[in-house]
N, C-alpha and C. Protein backbone atom coordinates (compact mmCIF):
# COMPACT_ATOMS: atom_id res chain seq x y z
N MET A 1 -11.02 1.54 19.40
CA MET A 1 -11.08 0.10 19.44
C MET A 1 -10.62 -0.49 18.10
N CYS A 2 -11.18 0.02 16.99
CA CYS A 2 -10.82 -0.48 15.67
C CYS A 2 -9.35 -0.19 15.37
N ARG A 3 -8.90 0.99 15.76
CA ARG A 3 -7.51 1.35 15.49
C ARG A 3 -6.54 0.41 16.21
N GLU A 4 -6.92 -0.04 17.41
CA GLU A 4 -6.07 -0.98 18.13
C GLU A 4 -5.95 -2.29 17.35
N HIS A 5 -7.09 -2.79 16.87
CA HIS A 5 -7.07 -4.03 16.09
C HIS A 5 -6.27 -3.86 14.79
N GLU A 6 -6.48 -2.72 14.13
CA GLU A 6 -5.75 -2.46 12.89
C GLU A 6 -4.25 -2.36 13.15
N SER A 7 -3.88 -1.75 14.28
CA SER A 7 -2.44 -1.63 14.58
C SER A 7 -1.84 -3.01 14.88
N VAL A 8 -2.60 -3.91 15.51
CA VAL A 8 -2.10 -5.26 15.75
C VAL A 8 -1.83 -5.95 14.42
N ILE A 9 -2.75 -5.81 13.48
CA ILE A 9 -2.58 -6.43 12.16
C ILE A 9 -1.40 -5.81 11.42
N ASP A 10 -1.28 -4.48 11.48
CA ASP A 10 -0.15 -3.81 10.82
C ASP A 10 1.19 -4.22 11.41
N GLU A 11 1.25 -4.33 12.74
CA GLU A 11 2.50 -4.74 13.38
C GLU A 11 2.86 -6.16 12.99
N ALA A 12 1.86 -7.04 12.90
CA ALA A 12 2.12 -8.42 12.48
C ALA A 12 2.64 -8.44 11.04
N ARG A 13 2.05 -7.62 10.17
CA ARG A 13 2.53 -7.55 8.79
C ARG A 13 3.97 -7.06 8.74
N ARG A 14 4.27 -6.03 9.54
CA ARG A 14 5.63 -5.50 9.57
C ARG A 14 6.63 -6.55 10.06
N PHE A 15 6.24 -7.26 11.12
CA PHE A 15 7.12 -8.29 11.66
C PHE A 15 7.38 -9.36 10.61
N LEU A 16 6.33 -9.84 9.97
CA LEU A 16 6.49 -10.90 8.97
C LEU A 16 7.27 -10.40 7.76
N GLY A 17 7.04 -9.16 7.36
CA GLY A 17 7.76 -8.59 6.23
C GLY A 17 9.22 -8.35 6.54
N MET A 18 9.50 -7.95 7.77
CA MET A 18 10.87 -7.64 8.16
C MET A 18 11.75 -8.89 8.07
N TYR A 19 11.18 -10.04 8.37
CA TYR A 19 11.95 -11.28 8.34
C TYR A 19 11.72 -12.09 7.07
N GLY A 20 11.01 -11.52 6.12
CA GLY A 20 10.80 -12.19 4.84
C GLY A 20 9.95 -13.44 4.95
N LEU A 21 9.01 -13.45 5.90
CA LEU A 21 8.14 -14.61 6.09
C LEU A 21 6.90 -14.50 5.22
N ARG A 22 6.16 -15.59 5.11
CA ARG A 22 4.90 -15.59 4.34
C ARG A 22 3.98 -14.52 4.88
N PRO A 23 3.23 -13.85 3.99
CA PRO A 23 2.30 -12.83 4.47
C PRO A 23 1.15 -13.44 5.25
N LEU A 24 0.43 -12.59 5.95
CA LEU A 24 -0.74 -13.05 6.72
C LEU A 24 -1.75 -13.66 5.76
N GLY A 25 -2.40 -14.69 6.23
CA GLY A 25 -3.39 -15.32 5.37
C GLY A 25 -4.31 -16.19 6.20
N GLY A 26 -4.83 -17.24 5.58
CA GLY A 26 -5.81 -18.09 6.24
C GLY A 26 -5.20 -19.14 7.15
N THR A 27 -3.90 -19.33 7.10
CA THR A 27 -3.28 -20.39 7.90
C THR A 27 -2.43 -19.81 9.02
N LEU A 28 -2.30 -20.60 10.09
CA LEU A 28 -1.45 -20.19 11.20
C LEU A 28 -0.12 -20.93 11.19
N GLN A 29 0.14 -21.67 10.11
CA GLN A 29 1.37 -22.45 9.99
C GLN A 29 2.57 -21.51 10.14
N SER A 30 3.49 -21.90 11.03
CA SER A 30 4.65 -21.03 11.28
C SER A 30 5.85 -21.88 11.63
N ASP A 31 7.04 -21.24 11.56
CA ASP A 31 8.29 -21.94 11.82
C ASP A 31 8.71 -21.86 13.28
N ASP A 32 8.25 -20.86 14.00
CA ASP A 32 8.61 -20.75 15.41
C ASP A 32 7.45 -20.17 16.20
N GLU A 33 7.61 -20.15 17.51
CA GLU A 33 6.54 -19.74 18.41
C GLU A 33 6.21 -18.25 18.29
N GLU A 34 7.23 -17.41 18.08
CA GLU A 34 6.99 -15.97 17.98
C GLU A 34 6.18 -15.64 16.73
N GLU A 35 6.54 -16.26 15.62
CA GLU A 35 5.77 -16.04 14.39
C GLU A 35 4.32 -16.48 14.56
N ARG A 36 4.14 -17.63 15.20
CA ARG A 36 2.78 -18.14 15.43
C ARG A 36 1.98 -17.16 16.30
N GLU A 37 2.63 -16.60 17.32
CA GLU A 37 1.96 -15.64 18.20
C GLU A 37 1.48 -14.41 17.40
N TRP A 38 2.33 -13.90 16.51
CA TRP A 38 1.94 -12.75 15.68
C TRP A 38 0.75 -13.11 14.80
N ARG A 39 0.80 -14.32 14.22
CA ARG A 39 -0.28 -14.75 13.33
C ARG A 39 -1.60 -14.93 14.08
N VAL A 40 -1.55 -15.49 15.27
CA VAL A 40 -2.76 -15.69 16.08
C VAL A 40 -3.34 -14.34 16.50
N ASN A 41 -2.48 -13.43 16.94
CA ASN A 41 -2.96 -12.09 17.34
C ASN A 41 -3.61 -11.36 16.16
N ALA A 42 -3.00 -11.47 14.99
CA ALA A 42 -3.56 -10.81 13.80
C ALA A 42 -4.89 -11.44 13.42
N ARG A 43 -4.99 -12.77 13.52
CA ARG A 43 -6.26 -13.45 13.20
C ARG A 43 -7.36 -13.00 14.16
N ASP A 44 -7.04 -12.93 15.45
CA ASP A 44 -8.03 -12.51 16.44
C ASP A 44 -8.47 -11.06 16.21
N ALA A 45 -7.50 -10.20 15.86
CA ALA A 45 -7.83 -8.80 15.59
C ALA A 45 -8.71 -8.68 14.35
N ARG A 46 -8.42 -9.46 13.31
CA ARG A 46 -9.23 -9.45 12.09
C ARG A 46 -10.66 -9.92 12.40
N ALA A 47 -10.80 -10.95 13.24
CA ALA A 47 -12.13 -11.44 13.62
C ALA A 47 -12.90 -10.37 14.38
N ALA A 48 -12.21 -9.66 15.28
CA ALA A 48 -12.87 -8.60 16.04
C ALA A 48 -13.31 -7.47 15.11
N LEU A 49 -12.47 -7.12 14.15
CA LEU A 49 -12.85 -6.07 13.19
C LEU A 49 -14.04 -6.50 12.35
N ASN A 50 -14.09 -7.75 11.96
CA ASN A 50 -15.22 -8.24 11.16
C ASN A 50 -16.51 -8.20 11.95
N GLN A 51 -16.44 -8.39 13.26
CA GLN A 51 -17.64 -8.31 14.09
C GLN A 51 -18.12 -6.87 14.24
N ILE A 52 -17.17 -5.94 14.23
CA ILE A 52 -17.50 -4.52 14.40
C ILE A 52 -17.99 -3.90 13.10
N ARG A 53 -17.63 -4.51 11.98
CA ARG A 53 -17.90 -3.95 10.66
C ARG A 53 -19.33 -3.40 10.56
N LEU A 54 -19.47 -2.29 9.88
CA LEU A 54 -20.77 -1.63 9.71
C LEU A 54 -21.69 -2.44 8.79
N ALA A 55 -22.98 -2.41 9.10
CA ALA A 55 -23.93 -3.09 8.23
C ALA A 55 -24.01 -2.38 6.88
N ASP A 56 -24.02 -1.05 6.90
CA ASP A 56 -24.03 -0.26 5.68
C ASP A 56 -22.68 0.43 5.55
N PRO A 57 -21.82 -0.03 4.63
CA PRO A 57 -20.50 0.60 4.51
C PRO A 57 -20.63 2.05 4.04
N PRO A 58 -19.67 2.90 4.40
CA PRO A 58 -19.73 4.30 3.98
C PRO A 58 -19.51 4.43 2.48
N ASP A 59 -19.92 5.57 1.94
CA ASP A 59 -19.76 5.83 0.52
C ASP A 59 -18.27 5.88 0.17
N PRO A 60 -17.82 5.09 -0.82
CA PRO A 60 -16.39 5.07 -1.16
C PRO A 60 -15.85 6.45 -1.55
N ALA A 61 -16.67 7.28 -2.17
CA ALA A 61 -16.20 8.62 -2.56
C ALA A 61 -15.88 9.45 -1.32
N LEU A 62 -16.69 9.34 -0.27
CA LEU A 62 -16.42 10.09 0.95
C LEU A 62 -15.16 9.56 1.65
N VAL A 63 -14.95 8.26 1.59
CA VAL A 63 -13.75 7.68 2.20
C VAL A 63 -12.51 8.17 1.47
N ARG A 64 -12.55 8.15 0.13
CA ARG A 64 -11.39 8.62 -0.65
C ARG A 64 -11.13 10.09 -0.37
N LYS A 65 -12.20 10.87 -0.27
CA LYS A 65 -12.04 12.31 -0.01
C LYS A 65 -11.39 12.54 1.34
N SER A 66 -11.77 11.75 2.34
CA SER A 66 -11.20 11.94 3.68
C SER A 66 -9.75 11.48 3.74
N LEU A 67 -9.33 10.61 2.82
CA LEU A 67 -7.97 10.10 2.83
C LEU A 67 -7.05 10.84 1.86
N ARG A 68 -7.55 11.88 1.20
CA ARG A 68 -6.72 12.61 0.24
C ARG A 68 -5.49 13.18 0.92
N PRO A 69 -4.38 13.22 0.21
CA PRO A 69 -3.16 13.75 0.82
C PRO A 69 -3.25 15.25 1.09
N LYS A 70 -2.40 15.69 1.98
CA LYS A 70 -2.39 17.09 2.40
C LYS A 70 -2.18 18.03 1.22
N ALA A 71 -1.33 17.65 0.28
CA ALA A 71 -1.05 18.52 -0.87
C ALA A 71 -2.30 18.74 -1.71
N ALA A 72 -3.12 17.72 -1.86
CA ALA A 72 -4.35 17.88 -2.65
C ALA A 72 -5.31 18.84 -1.95
N ARG A 73 -5.34 18.78 -0.62
CA ARG A 73 -6.21 19.71 0.12
C ARG A 73 -5.71 21.14 -0.05
N ILE A 74 -4.40 21.33 -0.06
CA ILE A 74 -3.84 22.67 -0.23
C ILE A 74 -4.22 23.22 -1.59
N VAL A 75 -4.05 22.40 -2.63
CA VAL A 75 -4.38 22.84 -3.99
C VAL A 75 -5.88 23.14 -4.08
N SER A 76 -6.72 22.30 -3.49
CA SER A 76 -8.16 22.53 -3.53
C SER A 76 -8.53 23.83 -2.83
N ALA A 77 -7.88 24.11 -1.69
CA ALA A 77 -8.18 25.34 -0.95
C ALA A 77 -7.79 26.56 -1.77
N ILE A 78 -6.65 26.50 -2.45
CA ILE A 78 -6.20 27.63 -3.27
C ILE A 78 -7.16 27.83 -4.43
N GLU A 79 -7.57 26.73 -5.04
CA GLU A 79 -8.51 26.84 -6.17
C GLU A 79 -9.84 27.44 -5.71
N ALA A 80 -10.28 27.05 -4.52
CA ALA A 80 -11.55 27.58 -4.01
C ALA A 80 -11.44 29.07 -3.76
N GLU A 81 -10.28 29.53 -3.26
CA GLU A 81 -10.10 30.96 -3.00
C GLU A 81 -10.05 31.77 -4.28
N SER A 82 -9.40 31.19 -5.31
CA SER A 82 -9.21 31.95 -6.54
C SER A 82 -10.32 31.75 -7.56
N ALA A 83 -11.24 30.85 -7.30
CA ALA A 83 -12.31 30.58 -8.27
C ALA A 83 -13.30 31.75 -8.28
N PRO A 84 -13.69 32.19 -9.48
CA PRO A 84 -14.66 33.27 -9.55
C PRO A 84 -16.04 32.78 -9.12
N VAL A 85 -16.81 33.67 -8.55
CA VAL A 85 -18.16 33.32 -8.11
C VAL A 85 -19.05 33.29 -9.34
N ARG A 86 -19.76 32.19 -9.55
CA ARG A 86 -20.65 32.07 -10.70
C ARG A 86 -22.08 31.98 -10.24
N LYS A 87 -22.95 32.46 -11.09
CA LYS A 87 -24.37 32.33 -10.80
C LYS A 87 -24.77 30.90 -11.11
N ALA A 88 -25.67 30.38 -10.32
CA ALA A 88 -26.16 29.03 -10.57
C ALA A 88 -27.06 29.06 -11.80
N PRO A 89 -26.93 28.08 -12.70
CA PRO A 89 -27.80 28.07 -13.87
C PRO A 89 -29.24 27.79 -13.45
N ALA A 90 -30.14 28.24 -14.28
CA ALA A 90 -31.55 28.04 -13.99
C ALA A 90 -31.84 26.55 -13.96
N ALA A 91 -32.65 26.16 -13.00
CA ALA A 91 -32.98 24.75 -12.86
C ALA A 91 -33.82 24.30 -14.04
N ARG A 92 -33.47 23.16 -14.58
CA ARG A 92 -34.25 22.62 -15.68
C ARG A 92 -34.65 21.20 -15.30
N PRO A 93 -35.75 20.77 -15.80
CA PRO A 93 -36.20 19.44 -15.42
C PRO A 93 -35.25 18.38 -15.97
N ARG A 94 -34.99 17.38 -15.16
CA ARG A 94 -34.11 16.28 -15.55
C ARG A 94 -34.91 15.00 -15.61
N SER A 95 -34.49 14.15 -16.52
CA SER A 95 -35.13 12.84 -16.56
C SER A 95 -34.52 12.00 -15.45
N ALA A 96 -35.17 10.95 -15.07
CA ALA A 96 -34.71 10.12 -13.97
C ALA A 96 -33.39 9.43 -14.30
N SER A 97 -33.11 9.20 -15.58
CA SER A 97 -31.90 8.47 -15.94
C SER A 97 -30.66 9.37 -16.03
N SER A 98 -30.85 10.69 -16.11
CA SER A 98 -29.68 11.56 -16.24
C SER A 98 -29.06 11.81 -14.87
N ALA A 99 -27.74 11.83 -14.83
CA ALA A 99 -27.02 12.07 -13.59
C ALA A 99 -26.39 13.45 -13.65
N PRO A 100 -26.16 14.08 -12.49
CA PRO A 100 -25.52 15.39 -12.52
C PRO A 100 -24.10 15.27 -13.04
N ALA A 101 -23.63 16.32 -13.66
CA ALA A 101 -22.28 16.33 -14.22
C ALA A 101 -21.27 16.30 -13.08
N PRO A 102 -20.20 15.55 -13.22
CA PRO A 102 -19.20 15.50 -12.16
C PRO A 102 -18.47 16.83 -12.06
N THR A 103 -18.10 17.18 -10.84
CA THR A 103 -17.36 18.42 -10.63
C THR A 103 -15.88 18.16 -10.85
N PRO A 104 -15.15 19.13 -11.40
CA PRO A 104 -13.72 18.91 -11.62
C PRO A 104 -12.98 18.79 -10.30
N THR A 105 -11.93 17.99 -10.28
CA THR A 105 -11.15 17.81 -9.06
C THR A 105 -9.79 18.46 -9.24
N ALA A 106 -9.01 18.46 -8.16
CA ALA A 106 -7.68 19.07 -8.21
C ALA A 106 -6.78 18.35 -9.19
N ALA A 107 -7.01 17.06 -9.41
CA ALA A 107 -6.16 16.32 -10.32
C ALA A 107 -6.42 16.70 -11.77
N VAL A 108 -7.62 17.23 -12.06
CA VAL A 108 -7.98 17.58 -13.43
C VAL A 108 -7.76 19.06 -13.69
N THR A 109 -8.12 19.89 -12.75
CA THR A 109 -8.04 21.33 -12.92
C THR A 109 -6.65 21.83 -12.53
N PRO A 110 -5.99 22.60 -13.39
CA PRO A 110 -4.67 23.12 -13.01
C PRO A 110 -4.79 24.16 -11.89
N ALA A 111 -3.82 24.17 -11.02
CA ALA A 111 -3.83 25.10 -9.90
C ALA A 111 -3.45 26.50 -10.37
N LYS A 112 -4.08 27.51 -9.80
CA LYS A 112 -3.78 28.91 -10.16
C LYS A 112 -2.57 29.41 -9.38
N GLN A 113 -2.53 29.07 -8.07
CA GLN A 113 -1.45 29.52 -7.21
C GLN A 113 -1.01 28.34 -6.36
N ILE A 114 0.20 28.42 -5.86
CA ILE A 114 0.70 27.36 -5.00
C ILE A 114 1.15 27.99 -3.69
N ASP A 115 0.76 27.37 -2.58
CA ASP A 115 1.15 27.85 -1.26
C ASP A 115 2.60 27.46 -1.03
N VAL A 116 3.50 28.42 -1.23
CA VAL A 116 4.93 28.16 -1.17
C VAL A 116 5.35 27.75 0.25
N ALA A 117 4.75 28.33 1.26
CA ALA A 117 5.11 27.97 2.64
C ALA A 117 4.77 26.50 2.92
N ALA A 118 3.60 26.07 2.48
CA ALA A 118 3.21 24.67 2.67
C ALA A 118 4.11 23.75 1.86
N LEU A 119 4.50 24.22 0.70
CA LEU A 119 5.40 23.45 -0.16
C LEU A 119 6.76 23.27 0.52
N GLU A 120 7.29 24.34 1.09
CA GLU A 120 8.58 24.27 1.79
C GLU A 120 8.49 23.36 3.01
N GLU A 121 7.37 23.42 3.71
CA GLU A 121 7.18 22.57 4.88
C GLU A 121 7.19 21.09 4.47
N ARG A 122 6.53 20.79 3.38
CA ARG A 122 6.48 19.41 2.86
C ARG A 122 7.87 18.95 2.42
N VAL A 123 8.62 19.83 1.76
CA VAL A 123 9.97 19.47 1.31
C VAL A 123 10.87 19.21 2.51
N THR A 124 10.77 20.03 3.54
CA THR A 124 11.58 19.84 4.74
C THR A 124 11.29 18.49 5.38
N GLY A 125 10.01 18.14 5.48
CA GLY A 125 9.64 16.84 6.04
C GLY A 125 10.17 15.69 5.21
N LEU A 126 10.11 15.84 3.90
CA LEU A 126 10.62 14.78 3.02
C LEU A 126 12.13 14.63 3.12
N LEU A 127 12.84 15.77 3.26
CA LEU A 127 14.30 15.70 3.41
C LEU A 127 14.68 15.00 4.72
N GLU A 128 13.93 15.27 5.79
CA GLU A 128 14.19 14.58 7.06
C GLU A 128 13.93 13.08 6.91
N GLN A 129 12.85 12.75 6.23
CA GLN A 129 12.52 11.35 5.99
C GLN A 129 13.60 10.68 5.14
N LEU A 130 14.12 11.39 4.15
CA LEU A 130 15.18 10.86 3.29
C LEU A 130 16.45 10.58 4.10
N THR A 131 16.77 11.46 5.03
CA THR A 131 17.94 11.27 5.88
C THR A 131 17.79 10.00 6.72
N LYS A 132 16.60 9.80 7.28
CA LYS A 132 16.35 8.60 8.08
C LYS A 132 16.46 7.33 7.23
N VAL A 133 15.89 7.37 6.03
CA VAL A 133 15.94 6.20 5.14
C VAL A 133 17.38 5.91 4.74
N ASP A 134 18.16 6.95 4.45
CA ASP A 134 19.57 6.73 4.11
C ASP A 134 20.32 6.06 5.26
N GLY A 135 20.04 6.48 6.49
CA GLY A 135 20.67 5.85 7.66
C GLY A 135 20.27 4.39 7.78
N GLN A 136 18.99 4.11 7.54
CA GLN A 136 18.52 2.73 7.61
C GLN A 136 19.12 1.88 6.49
N ILE A 137 19.35 2.49 5.33
CA ILE A 137 19.96 1.76 4.22
C ILE A 137 21.39 1.35 4.58
N GLU A 138 22.13 2.26 5.21
CA GLU A 138 23.51 1.94 5.62
C GLU A 138 23.52 0.76 6.59
N ILE A 139 22.57 0.74 7.51
CA ILE A 139 22.48 -0.36 8.48
C ILE A 139 22.09 -1.66 7.77
N ALA A 140 21.12 -1.57 6.85
CA ALA A 140 20.64 -2.77 6.14
C ALA A 140 21.70 -3.35 5.22
N GLU A 141 22.58 -2.50 4.68
CA GLU A 141 23.64 -2.99 3.80
C GLU A 141 24.63 -3.87 4.55
N ALA A 142 24.76 -3.64 5.85
CA ALA A 142 25.68 -4.44 6.66
C ALA A 142 25.11 -5.84 6.92
N GLY A 143 23.79 -5.98 6.89
CA GLY A 143 23.16 -7.27 7.15
C GLY A 143 23.31 -8.23 6.00
N GLN A 144 23.13 -9.50 6.30
CA GLN A 144 23.24 -10.54 5.28
C GLN A 144 21.99 -11.41 5.36
N GLY A 145 21.72 -12.09 4.29
CA GLY A 145 20.59 -13.00 4.27
C GLY A 145 19.42 -12.44 3.48
N LEU A 146 18.42 -13.27 3.36
CA LEU A 146 17.24 -12.92 2.56
C LEU A 146 16.46 -11.77 3.17
N ALA A 147 16.30 -11.79 4.50
CA ALA A 147 15.54 -10.73 5.17
C ALA A 147 16.24 -9.38 5.00
N ALA A 148 17.57 -9.36 5.08
CA ALA A 148 18.32 -8.10 4.93
C ALA A 148 18.19 -7.57 3.52
N ARG A 149 18.23 -8.47 2.52
CA ARG A 149 18.07 -8.02 1.14
C ARG A 149 16.67 -7.49 0.88
N ALA A 150 15.67 -8.15 1.47
CA ALA A 150 14.29 -7.68 1.31
C ALA A 150 14.13 -6.30 1.95
N ARG A 151 14.69 -6.13 3.13
CA ARG A 151 14.62 -4.83 3.81
C ARG A 151 15.33 -3.75 2.99
N LEU A 152 16.48 -4.09 2.41
CA LEU A 152 17.23 -3.14 1.60
C LEU A 152 16.44 -2.75 0.35
N ASN A 153 15.79 -3.72 -0.28
CA ASN A 153 14.95 -3.41 -1.45
C ASN A 153 13.80 -2.49 -1.06
N ASP A 154 13.19 -2.75 0.10
CA ASP A 154 12.09 -1.91 0.57
C ASP A 154 12.57 -0.49 0.83
N LEU A 155 13.70 -0.34 1.48
CA LEU A 155 14.24 0.99 1.77
C LEU A 155 14.64 1.73 0.50
N THR A 156 15.20 1.00 -0.46
CA THR A 156 15.57 1.62 -1.74
C THR A 156 14.32 2.11 -2.47
N SER A 157 13.25 1.34 -2.40
CA SER A 157 11.98 1.75 -3.00
C SER A 157 11.43 3.00 -2.32
N GLN A 158 11.51 3.03 -0.98
CA GLN A 158 11.05 4.22 -0.24
C GLN A 158 11.86 5.45 -0.64
N LYS A 159 13.18 5.27 -0.77
CA LYS A 159 14.04 6.39 -1.15
C LYS A 159 13.66 6.91 -2.54
N ALA A 160 13.41 5.99 -3.48
CA ALA A 160 13.02 6.39 -4.84
C ALA A 160 11.71 7.15 -4.82
N THR A 161 10.76 6.72 -4.01
CA THR A 161 9.47 7.41 -3.91
C THR A 161 9.66 8.82 -3.36
N ILE A 162 10.49 8.95 -2.32
CA ILE A 162 10.74 10.27 -1.73
C ILE A 162 11.40 11.18 -2.76
N LEU A 163 12.37 10.65 -3.50
CA LEU A 163 13.06 11.47 -4.50
C LEU A 163 12.11 11.91 -5.61
N ARG A 164 11.20 11.02 -6.05
CA ARG A 164 10.22 11.40 -7.07
C ARG A 164 9.28 12.49 -6.55
N THR A 165 8.88 12.36 -5.28
CA THR A 165 8.01 13.38 -4.69
C THR A 165 8.73 14.71 -4.59
N LEU A 166 9.99 14.68 -4.19
CA LEU A 166 10.77 15.92 -4.12
C LEU A 166 10.91 16.56 -5.50
N ALA A 167 11.10 15.75 -6.52
CA ALA A 167 11.21 16.28 -7.89
C ALA A 167 9.90 16.94 -8.31
N ALA A 168 8.78 16.31 -7.97
CA ALA A 168 7.48 16.89 -8.32
C ALA A 168 7.25 18.21 -7.58
N LEU A 169 7.65 18.26 -6.31
CA LEU A 169 7.49 19.50 -5.55
C LEU A 169 8.40 20.59 -6.09
N GLU A 170 9.60 20.24 -6.54
CA GLU A 170 10.50 21.23 -7.14
C GLU A 170 9.90 21.77 -8.43
N LYS A 171 9.29 20.88 -9.20
CA LYS A 171 8.63 21.32 -10.44
C LYS A 171 7.48 22.28 -10.12
N ALA A 172 6.72 21.98 -9.06
CA ALA A 172 5.63 22.85 -8.65
C ALA A 172 6.16 24.20 -8.20
N ARG A 173 7.28 24.18 -7.46
CA ARG A 173 7.88 25.45 -6.99
C ARG A 173 8.34 26.29 -8.17
N ARG A 174 8.94 25.66 -9.15
CA ARG A 174 9.40 26.40 -10.33
C ARG A 174 8.23 27.00 -11.10
N SER A 175 7.14 26.25 -11.21
CA SER A 175 5.99 26.77 -11.94
C SER A 175 5.33 27.91 -11.15
N ALA A 176 5.46 27.89 -9.81
CA ALA A 176 4.92 28.98 -9.00
C ALA A 176 5.73 30.25 -9.19
N GLY A 177 7.03 30.09 -9.42
CA GLY A 177 7.91 31.24 -9.58
C GLY A 177 7.75 31.94 -10.91
N GLN A 178 7.16 31.27 -11.90
CA GLN A 178 7.02 31.87 -13.24
C GLN A 178 5.89 32.83 -13.32
């Protein structure tokens, strides 16, 4: 149910962004009937989501953990496999104000090994995505107007992000080979 409402809002954002229109907000002011329809549907979906909203929101740390990218999970799994088993330190009394020490994360701890097969799978997916974006860029370059330029800027940004990710994965592959 929530995903349906979220998809309605996302589709409205995409529609408005594709044509370079004002982003969704508190007003339904629009230039044509189709834009108004998207805005009304998004407003209704947002209202439905607000009614469904949990009284006690989930812990932000658990939400971030569940949304971590696939690559971070791969690195964490490898670290868990290669981590030596340690004895738990003897329990000592803690004062009420002291908090437990944070555990290191994949972003802080260097990886011991890299799953080359998963890395290759990720690179293949990114190369396919890059091909699609290049095709969309060729189509967008033919268009004229503000919306076409905005779309072209968005696609160029996506391409740059993909290329940076590919460069990082290549660096990881090279460090795995050493």
